Amino acid sequence: MLFRSIVCTYGMEEDQLITLRKEEVLQSALAKEYTAKVNEILKTEMKNTLTTIENAKDKIQEIADALIRENRLTGKQLEELMEADG
């Protein structure tokens, strides 16, 4: 799991800079703490993703409509749709 690797293997967490193998984490007394931190990151990223989708739903609908009409889009067409205002 990517977030577990970020927190444990690579030590990329604000107040925990040590690195541990997955097995070490799961067997340690800190397993619950690491799991809670990973879950916190996942919840935050899910919320950010849903917000991004909600903010872009008109653009997503526009692209979906174009795909239904055309069946496929070139990279240039997709770029034009992304850059177009509403």
PDB file of N, CA and C in Angstrom:
ATOM      1  N   MET A   1       0.841  -1.175   0.000  1.00  0.00           N
ATOM      2  CA  MET A   1       0.000   0.000   0.000  1.00  0.00           C
ATOM      3  C   MET A   1       0.885   1.237   0.000  1.00  0.00           C
ATOM      4  N   LEU A   2       0.584   2.150  -0.887  1.00  0.00           N
ATOM      5  CA  LEU A   2       1.415   3.334  -1.092  1.00  0.00           C
ATOM      6  C   LEU A   2       1.556   4.188   0.162  1.00  0.00           C
ATOM      7  N   PHE A   3       0.440   4.492   0.816  1.00  0.00           N
ATOM      8  CA  PHE A   3       0.527   5.366   1.979  1.00  0.00           C
ATOM      9  C   PHE A   3       1.282   4.721   3.133  1.00  0.00           C
ATOM     10  N   ARG A   4       1.147   3.421   3.299  1.00  0.00           N
ATOM     11  CA  ARG A   4       1.911   2.743   4.344  1.00  0.00           C
ATOM     12  C   ARG A   4       3.407   2.872   4.031  1.00  0.00           C
ATOM     13  N   SER A   5       3.760   2.733   2.759  1.00  0.00           N
ATOM     14  CA  SER A   5       5.167   2.895   2.368  1.00  0.00           C
ATOM     15  C   SER A   5       5.647   4.313   2.631  1.00  0.00           C
ATOM     16  N   ILE A   6       4.800   5.295   2.321  1.00  0.00           N
ATOM     17  CA  ILE A   6       5.183   6.687   2.540  1.00  0.00           C
ATOM     18  C   ILE A   6       5.475   6.933   4.018  1.00  0.00           C
ATOM     19  N   VAL A   7       4.604   6.446   4.872  1.00  0.00           N
ATOM     20  CA  VAL A   7       4.747   6.691   6.308  1.00  0.00           C
ATOM     21  C   VAL A   7       5.837   5.818   6.921  1.00  0.00           C
ATOM     22  N   CYS A   8       5.856   4.546   6.579  1.00  0.00           N
ATOM     23  CA  CYS A   8       6.746   3.600   7.263  1.00  0.00           C
ATOM     24  C   CYS A   8       8.083   3.411   6.549  1.00  0.00           C
ATOM     25  N   THR A   9       8.037   2.980   5.311  1.00  0.00           N
ATOM     26  CA  THR A   9       9.261   2.634   4.594  1.00  0.00           C
ATOM     27  C   THR A   9      10.130   3.851   4.305  1.00  0.00           C
ATOM     28  N   TYR A  10       9.481   4.968   3.915  1.00  0.00           N
ATOM     29  CA  TYR A  10      10.245   6.147   3.525  1.00  0.00           C
ATOM     30  C   TYR A  10      10.327   7.197   4.626  1.00  0.00           C
ATOM     31  N   GLY A  11       9.620   6.982   5.736  1.00  0.00           N
ATOM     32  CA  GLY A  11       9.688   7.905   6.867  1.00  0.00           C
ATOM     33  C   GLY A  11       9.194   9.299   6.552  1.00  0.00           C
ATOM     34  N   MET A  12       8.257   9.419   5.620  1.00  0.00           N
ATOM     35  CA  MET A  12       7.777  10.732   5.188  1.00  0.00           C
ATOM     36  C   MET A  12       6.517  11.114   5.967  1.00  0.00           C
ATOM     37  N   GLU A  13       6.688  11.379   7.226  1.00  0.00           N
ATOM     38  CA  GLU A  13       5.586  11.753   8.093  1.00  0.00           C
ATOM     39  C   GLU A  13       6.103  12.839   9.003  1.00  0.00           C
ATOM     40  N   GLU A  14       5.300  13.830   9.271  1.00  0.00           N
ATOM     41  CA  GLU A  14       5.755  15.030   9.974  1.00  0.00           C
ATOM     42  C   GLU A  14       6.534  14.763  11.260  1.00  0.00           C
ATOM     43  N   ASP A  15       5.988  13.949  12.145  1.00  0.00           N
ATOM     44  CA  ASP A  15       6.642  13.771  13.441  1.00  0.00           C
ATOM     45  C   ASP A  15       7.281  12.398  13.610  1.00  0.00           C
ATOM     46  N   GLN A  16       7.474  11.676  12.521  1.00  0.00           N
ATOM     47  CA  GLN A  16       8.066  10.332  12.596  1.00  0.00           C
ATOM     48  C   GLN A  16       8.994  10.147  11.393  1.00  0.00           C
ATOM     49  N   LEU A  17      10.267  10.345  11.583  1.00  0.00           N
ATOM     50  CA  LEU A  17      11.204  10.295  10.469  1.00  0.00           C
ATOM     51  C   LEU A  17      11.969   8.981  10.378  1.00  0.00           C
ATOM     52  N   ILE A  18      11.656   8.006  11.220  1.00  0.00           N
ATOM     53  CA  ILE A  18      12.330   6.717  11.117  1.00  0.00           C
ATOM     54  C   ILE A  18      11.665   5.877  10.028  1.00  0.00           C
ATOM     55  N   THR A  19      12.411   4.934   9.527  1.00  0.00           N
ATOM     56  CA  THR A  19      11.861   4.045   8.504  1.00  0.00           C
ATOM     57  C   THR A  19      11.858   2.612   9.016  1.00  0.00           C
ATOM     58  N   LEU A  20      10.812   1.897   8.680  1.00  0.00           N
ATOM     59  CA  LEU A  20      10.653   0.519   9.102  1.00  0.00           C
ATOM     60  C   LEU A  20      10.108  -0.311   7.953  1.00  0.00           C
ATOM     61  N   ARG A  21      10.437  -1.596   7.955  1.00  0.00           N
ATOM     62  CA  ARG A  21       9.832  -2.508   6.981  1.00  0.00           C
ATOM     63  C   ARG A  21       8.398  -2.768   7.405  1.00  0.00           C
ATOM     64  N   LYS A  22       7.563  -3.155   6.448  1.00  0.00           N
ATOM     65  CA  LYS A  22       6.149  -3.421   6.723  1.00  0.00           C
ATOM     66  C   LYS A  22       5.993  -4.422   7.867  1.00  0.00           C
ATOM     67  N   GLU A  23       6.786  -5.484   7.846  1.00  0.00           N
ATOM     68  CA  GLU A  23       6.706  -6.516   8.876  1.00  0.00           C
ATOM     69  C   GLU A  23       7.029  -5.945  10.253  1.00  0.00           C
ATOM     70  N   GLU A  24       8.018  -5.057  10.310  1.00  0.00           N
ATOM     71  CA  GLU A  24       8.397  -4.440  11.578  1.00  0.00           C
ATOM     72  C   GLU A  24       7.265  -3.568  12.119  1.00  0.00           C
ATOM     73  N   VAL A  25       6.619  -2.855  11.228  1.00  0.00           N
ATOM     74  CA  VAL A  25       5.517  -1.981  11.631  1.00  0.00           C
ATOM     75  C   VAL A  25       4.377  -2.803  12.204  1.00  0.00           C
ATOM     76  N   LEU A  26       3.987  -3.852  11.471  1.00  0.00           N
ATOM     77  CA  LEU A  26       2.845  -4.659  11.886  1.00  0.00           C
ATOM     78  C   LEU A  26       3.097  -5.402  13.189  1.00  0.00           C
ATOM     79  N   GLN A  27       4.354  -5.677  13.499  1.00  0.00           N
ATOM     80  CA  GLN A  27       4.692  -6.401  14.717  1.00  0.00           C
ATOM     81  C   GLN A  27       5.054  -5.467  15.873  1.00  0.00           C
ATOM     82  N   SER A  28       5.126  -4.192  15.618  1.00  0.00           N
ATOM     83  CA  SER A  28       5.559  -3.263  16.658  1.00  0.00           C
ATOM     84  C   SER A  28       4.390  -2.803  17.523  1.00  0.00           C
ATOM     85  N   ALA A  29       4.749  -2.205  18.638  1.00  0.00           N
ATOM     86  CA  ALA A  29       3.742  -1.636  19.531  1.00  0.00           C
ATOM     87  C   ALA A  29       3.077  -0.415  18.900  1.00  0.00           C
ATOM     88  N   LEU A  30       3.698   0.108  17.869  1.00  0.00           N
ATOM     89  CA  LEU A  30       3.165   1.296  17.195  1.00  0.00           C
ATOM     90  C   LEU A  30       2.269   0.950  16.005  1.00  0.00           C
ATOM     91  N   ALA A  31       1.939  -0.318  15.814  1.00  0.00           N
ATOM     92  CA  ALA A  31       1.141  -0.735  14.657  1.00  0.00           C
ATOM     93  C   ALA A  31      -0.174   0.033  14.566  1.00  0.00           C
ATOM     94  N   LYS A  32      -0.863   0.190  15.688  1.00  0.00           N
ATOM     95  CA  LYS A  32      -2.138   0.919  15.685  1.00  0.00           C
ATOM     96  C   LYS A  32      -1.928   2.380  15.299  1.00  0.00           C
ATOM     97  N   GLU A  33      -0.859   2.965  15.813  1.00  0.00           N
ATOM     98  CA  GLU A  33      -0.567   4.368  15.514  1.00  0.00           C
ATOM     99  C   GLU A  33      -0.275   4.557  14.024  1.00  0.00           C
ATOM    100  N   TYR A  34       0.545   3.666  13.468  1.00  0.00           N
ATOM    101  CA  TYR A  34       0.854   3.749  12.041  1.00  0.00           C
ATOM    102  C   TYR A  34      -0.402   3.531  11.197  1.00  0.00           C
ATOM    103  N   THR A  35      -1.214   2.556  11.573  1.00  0.00           N
ATOM    104  CA  THR A  35      -2.450   2.282  10.841  1.00  0.00           C
ATOM    105  C   THR A  35      -3.380   3.491  10.907  1.00  0.00           C
ATOM    106  N   ALA A  36      -3.478   4.109  12.062  1.00  0.00           N
ATOM    107  CA  ALA A  36      -4.317   5.299  12.216  1.00  0.00           C
ATOM    108  C   ALA A  36      -3.802   6.437  11.335  1.00  0.00           C
ATOM    109  N   LYS A  37      -2.492   6.609  11.280  1.00  0.00           N
ATOM    110  CA  LYS A  37      -1.900   7.669  10.457  1.00  0.00           C
ATOM    111  C   LYS A  37      -2.171   7.416   8.985  1.00  0.00           C
ATOM    112  N   VAL A  38      -2.009   6.164   8.541  1.00  0.00           N
ATOM    113  CA  VAL A  38      -2.278   5.809   7.142  1.00  0.00           C
ATOM    114  C   VAL A  38      -3.751   6.045   6.833  1.00  0.00           C
ATOM    115  N   ASN A  39      -4.642   5.649   7.725  1.00  0.00           N
ATOM    116  CA  ASN A  39      -6.070   5.869   7.519  1.00  0.00           C
ATOM    117  C   ASN A  39      -6.403   7.354   7.459  1.00  0.00           C
ATOM    118  N   GLU A  40      -5.746   8.145   8.275  1.00  0.00           N
ATOM    119  CA  GLU A  40      -5.950   9.597   8.268  1.00  0.00           C
ATOM    120  C   GLU A  40      -5.552  10.186   6.915  1.00  0.00           C
ATOM    121  N   ILE A  41      -4.414   9.757   6.394  1.00  0.00           N
ATOM    122  CA  ILE A  41      -3.958  10.225   5.079  1.00  0.00           C
ATOM    123  C   ILE A  41      -4.953   9.814   3.998  1.00  0.00           C
ATOM    124  N   LEU A  42      -5.400   8.562   4.038  1.00  0.00           N
ATOM    125  CA  LEU A  42      -6.362   8.080   3.045  1.00  0.00           C
ATOM    126  C   LEU A  42      -7.671   8.863   3.095  1.00  0.00           C
ATOM    127  N   LYS A  43      -8.180   9.129   4.286  1.00  0.00           N
ATOM    128  CA  LYS A  43      -9.421   9.906   4.416  1.00  0.00           C
ATOM    129  C   LYS A  43      -9.250  11.319   3.881  1.00  0.00           C
ATOM    130  N   THR A  44      -8.129  11.928   4.187  1.00  0.00           N
ATOM    131  CA  THR A  44      -7.858  13.285   3.694  1.00  0.00           C
ATOM    132  C   THR A  44      -7.780  13.303   2.177  1.00  0.00           C
ATOM    133  N   GLU A  45      -7.070  12.337   1.612  1.00  0.00           N
ATOM    134  CA  GLU A  45      -6.931  12.295   0.159  1.00  0.00           C
ATOM    135  C   GLU A  45      -8.254  11.967  -0.533  1.00  0.00           C
ATOM    136  N   MET A  46      -9.079  11.125   0.088  1.00  0.00           N
ATOM    137  CA  MET A  46     -10.400  10.837  -0.470  1.00  0.00           C
ATOM    138  C   MET A  46     -11.244  12.108  -0.484  1.00  0.00           C
ATOM    139  N   LYS A  47     -11.206  12.852   0.611  1.00  0.00           N
ATOM    140  CA  LYS A  47     -11.953  14.111   0.689  1.00  0.00           C
ATOM    141  C   LYS A  47     -11.460  15.092  -0.370  1.00  0.00           C
ATOM    142  N   ASN A  48     -10.146  15.217  -0.530  1.00  0.00           N
ATOM    143  CA  ASN A  48      -9.579  16.109  -1.544  1.00  0.00           C
ATOM    144  C   ASN A  48      -9.996  15.686  -2.952  1.00  0.00           C
ATOM    145  N   THR A  49      -9.994  14.378  -3.201  1.00  0.00           N
ATOM    146  CA  THR A  49     -10.380  13.854  -4.508  1.00  0.00           C
ATOM    147  C   THR A  49     -11.837  14.167  -4.805  1.00  0.00           C
ATOM    148  N   LEU A  50     -12.708  13.921  -3.833  1.00  0.00           N
ATOM    149  CA  LEU A  50     -14.134  14.202  -4.027  1.00  0.00           C
ATOM    150  C   LEU A  50     -14.382  15.691  -4.247  1.00  0.00           C
ATOM    151  N   THR A  51     -13.653  16.539  -3.542  1.00  0.00           N
ATOM    152  CA  THR A  51     -13.768  17.986  -3.728  1.00  0.00           C
ATOM    153  C   THR A  51     -13.315  18.385  -5.129  1.00  0.00           C
ATOM    154  N   THR A  52     -12.210  17.814  -5.586  1.00  0.00           N
ATOM    155  CA  THR A  52     -11.711  18.108  -6.932  1.00  0.00           C
ATOM    156  C   THR A  52     -12.728  17.695  -7.987  1.00  0.00           C
ATOM    157  N   ILE A  53     -13.293  16.510  -7.834  1.00  0.00           N
ATOM    158  CA  ILE A  53     -14.300  16.027  -8.788  1.00  0.00           C
ATOM    159  C   ILE A  53     -15.532  16.925  -8.755  1.00  0.00           C
ATOM    160  N   GLU A  54     -15.990  17.281  -7.574  1.00  0.00           N
ATOM    161  CA  GLU A  54     -17.171  18.148  -7.447  1.00  0.00           C
ATOM    162  C   GLU A  54     -16.923  19.503  -8.102  1.00  0.00           C
ATOM    163  N   ASN A  55     -15.731  20.061  -7.886  1.00  0.00           N
ATOM    164  CA  ASN A  55     -15.401  21.358  -8.471  1.00  0.00           C
ATOM    165  C   ASN A  55     -15.260  21.299  -9.990  1.00  0.00           C
ATOM    166  N   ALA A  56     -14.977  20.123 -10.522  1.00  0.00           N
ATOM    167  CA  ALA A  56     -14.760  19.979 -11.962  1.00  0.00           C
ATOM    168  C   ALA A  56     -15.891  19.214 -12.650  1.00  0.00           C
ATOM    169  N   LYS A  57     -17.032  19.039 -11.977  1.00  0.00           N
ATOM    170  CA  LYS A  57     -18.067  18.170 -12.541  1.00  0.00           C
ATOM    171  C   LYS A  57     -18.611  18.683 -13.870  1.00  0.00           C
ATOM    172  N   ASP A  58     -18.690  20.003 -14.053  1.00  0.00           N
ATOM    173  CA  ASP A  58     -19.158  20.533 -15.338  1.00  0.00           C
ATOM    174  C   ASP A  58     -18.179  20.173 -16.458  1.00  0.00           C
ATOM    175  N   LYS A  59     -16.898  20.298 -16.174  1.00  0.00           N
ATOM    176  CA  LYS A  59     -15.862  19.968 -17.171  1.00  0.00           C
ATOM    177  C   LYS A  59     -15.866  18.470 -17.448  1.00  0.00           C
ATOM    178  N   ILE A  60     -16.026  17.663 -16.414  1.00  0.00           N
ATOM    179  CA  ILE A  60     -16.086  16.207 -16.586  1.00  0.00           C
ATOM    180  C   ILE A  60     -17.281  15.825 -17.442  1.00  0.00           C
ATOM    181  N   GLN A  61     -18.432  16.476 -17.188  1.00  0.00           N
ATOM    182  CA  GLN A  61     -19.632  16.203 -17.981  1.00  0.00           C
ATOM    183  C   GLN A  61     -19.422  16.608 -19.437  1.00  0.00           C
ATOM    184  N   GLU A  62     -18.768  17.723 -19.653  1.00  0.00           N
ATOM    185  CA  GLU A  62     -18.477  18.196 -21.009  1.00  0.00           C
ATOM    186  C   GLU A  62     -17.599  17.183 -21.757  1.00  0.00           C
ATOM    187  N   ILE A  63     -16.591  16.660 -21.089  1.00  0.00           N
ATOM    188  CA  ILE A  63     -15.712  15.662 -21.705  1.00  0.00           C
ATOM    189  C   ILE A  63     -16.473  14.370 -21.965  1.00  0.00           C
ATOM    190  N   ALA A  64     -17.306  13.959 -21.005  1.00  0.00           N
ATOM    191  CA  ALA A  64     -18.104  12.739 -21.185  1.00  0.00           C
ATOM    192  C   ALA A  64     -19.051  12.893 -22.372  1.00  0.00           C
ATOM    193  N   ASP A  65     -19.687  14.055 -22.496  1.00  0.00           N
ATOM    194  CA  ASP A  65     -20.589  14.300 -23.626  1.00  0.00           C
ATOM    195  C   ASP A  65     -19.833  14.233 -24.950  1.00  0.00           C
ATOM    196  N   ALA A  66     -18.641  14.820 -24.986  1.00  0.00           N
ATOM    197  CA  ALA A  66     -17.826  14.778 -26.205  1.00  0.00           C
ATOM    198  C   ALA A  66     -17.433  13.349 -26.544  1.00  0.00           C
ATOM    199  N   LEU A  67     -17.108  12.560 -25.546  1.00  0.00           N
ATOM    200  CA  LEU A  67     -16.756  11.157 -25.782  1.00  0.00           C
ATOM    201  C   LEU A  67     -17.956  10.365 -26.302  1.00  0.00           C
ATOM    202  N   ILE A  68     -19.129  10.648 -25.793  1.00  0.00           N
ATOM    203  CA  ILE A  68     -20.339   9.973 -26.283  1.00  0.00           C
ATOM    204  C   ILE A  68     -20.588  10.338 -27.741  1.00  0.00           C
ATOM    205  N   ARG A  69     -20.418  11.616 -28.073  1.00  0.00           N
ATOM    206  CA  ARG A  69     -20.619  12.071 -29.465  1.00  0.00           C
ATOM    207  C   ARG A  69     -19.574  11.496 -30.414  1.00  0.00           C
ATOM    208  N   GLU A  70     -18.313  11.585 -30.005  1.00  0.00           N
ATOM    209  CA  GLU A  70     -17.200  11.270 -30.906  1.00  0.00           C
ATOM    210  C   GLU A  70     -16.675   9.839 -30.773  1.00  0.00           C
ATOM    211  N   ASN A  71     -16.959   9.188 -29.682  1.00  0.00           N
ATOM    212  CA  ASN A  71     -16.490   7.839 -29.382  1.00  0.00           C
ATOM    213  C   ASN A  71     -15.033   7.806 -28.929  1.00  0.00           C
ATOM    214  N   ARG A  72     -14.243   8.773 -29.329  1.00  0.00           N
ATOM    215  CA  ARG A  72     -12.869   8.909 -28.841  1.00  0.00           C
ATOM    216  C   ARG A  72     -12.403  10.334 -29.090  1.00  0.00           C
ATOM    217  N   LEU A  73     -11.414  10.731 -28.336  1.00  0.00           N
ATOM    218  CA  LEU A  73     -10.860  12.074 -28.466  1.00  0.00           C
ATOM    219  C   LEU A  73      -9.352  11.985 -28.606  1.00  0.00           C
ATOM    220  N   THR A  74      -8.806  12.872 -29.420  1.00  0.00           N
ATOM    221  CA  THR A  74      -7.350  12.957 -29.512  1.00  0.00           C
ATOM    222  C   THR A  74      -6.842  13.754 -28.318  1.00  0.00           C
ATOM    223  N   GLY A  75      -5.554  13.694 -28.088  1.00  0.00           N
ATOM    224  CA  GLY A  75      -4.968  14.483 -27.019  1.00  0.00           C
ATOM    225  C   GLY A  75      -5.233  15.963 -27.216  1.00  0.00           C
ATOM    226  N   LYS A  76      -5.149  16.406 -28.464  1.00  0.00           N
ATOM    227  CA  LYS A  76      -5.403  17.824 -28.783  1.00  0.00           C
ATOM    228  C   LYS A  76      -6.844  18.203 -28.469  1.00  0.00           C
ATOM    229  N   GLN A  77      -7.801  17.327 -28.827  1.00  0.00           N
ATOM    230  CA  GLN A  77      -9.202  17.620 -28.525  1.00  0.00           C
ATOM    231  C   GLN A  77      -9.436  17.681 -27.006  1.00  0.00           C
ATOM    232  N   LEU A  78      -8.837  16.774 -26.300  1.00  0.00           N
ATOM    233  CA  LEU A  78      -8.986  16.765 -24.839  1.00  0.00           C
ATOM    234  C   LEU A  78      -8.380  18.033 -24.234  1.00  0.00           C
ATOM    235  N   GLU A  79      -7.217  18.429 -24.720  1.00  0.00           N
ATOM    236  CA  GLU A  79      -6.592  19.669 -24.241  1.00  0.00           C
ATOM    237  C   GLU A  79      -7.490  20.871 -24.504  1.00  0.00           C
ATOM    238  N   GLU A  80      -8.101  20.913 -25.716  1.00  0.00           N
ATOM    239  CA  GLU A  80      -8.984  22.019 -26.050  1.00  0.00           C
ATOM    240  C   GLU A  80     -10.196  22.057 -25.131  1.00  0.00           C
ATOM    241  N   LEU A  81     -10.758  20.879 -24.832  1.00  0.00           N
ATOM    242  CA  LEU A  81     -11.887  20.822 -23.908  1.00  0.00           C
ATOM    243  C   LEU A  81     -11.480  21.271 -22.497  1.00  0.00           C
ATOM    244  N   MET A  82     -10.304  20.858 -22.067  1.00  0.00           N
ATOM    245  CA  MET A  82      -9.838  21.214 -20.741  1.00  0.00           C
ATOM    246  C   MET A  82      -9.579  22.722 -20.605  1.00  0.00           C
ATOM    247  N   GLU A  83      -9.105  23.332 -21.689  1.00  0.00           N
ATOM    248  CA  GLU A  83      -8.767  24.744 -21.654  1.00  0.00           C
ATOM    249  C   GLU A  83      -9.972  25.647 -21.899  1.00  0.00           C
ATOM    250  N   ALA A  84     -11.029  25.114 -22.525  1.00  0.00           N
ATOM    251  CA  ALA A  84     -12.202  25.919 -22.853  1.00  0.00           C
ATOM    252  C   ALA A  84     -12.921  26.378 -21.598  1.00  0.00           C
ATOM    253  N   ASP A  85     -13.423  27.595 -21.649  1.00  0.00           N
ATOM    254  CA  ASP A  85     -14.224  28.104 -20.537  1.00  0.00           C
ATOM    255  C   ASP A  85     -15.654  27.641 -20.689  1.00  0.00           C
ATOM    256  N   GLY A  86     -16.112  26.826 -19.685  1.00  0.00           N
ATOM    257  CA  GLY A  86     -17.479  26.351 -19.605  1.00  0.00           C
ATOM    258  C   GLY A  86     -18.029  25.913 -20.883  1.00  0.00           C
TER     259      GLY A  86
END
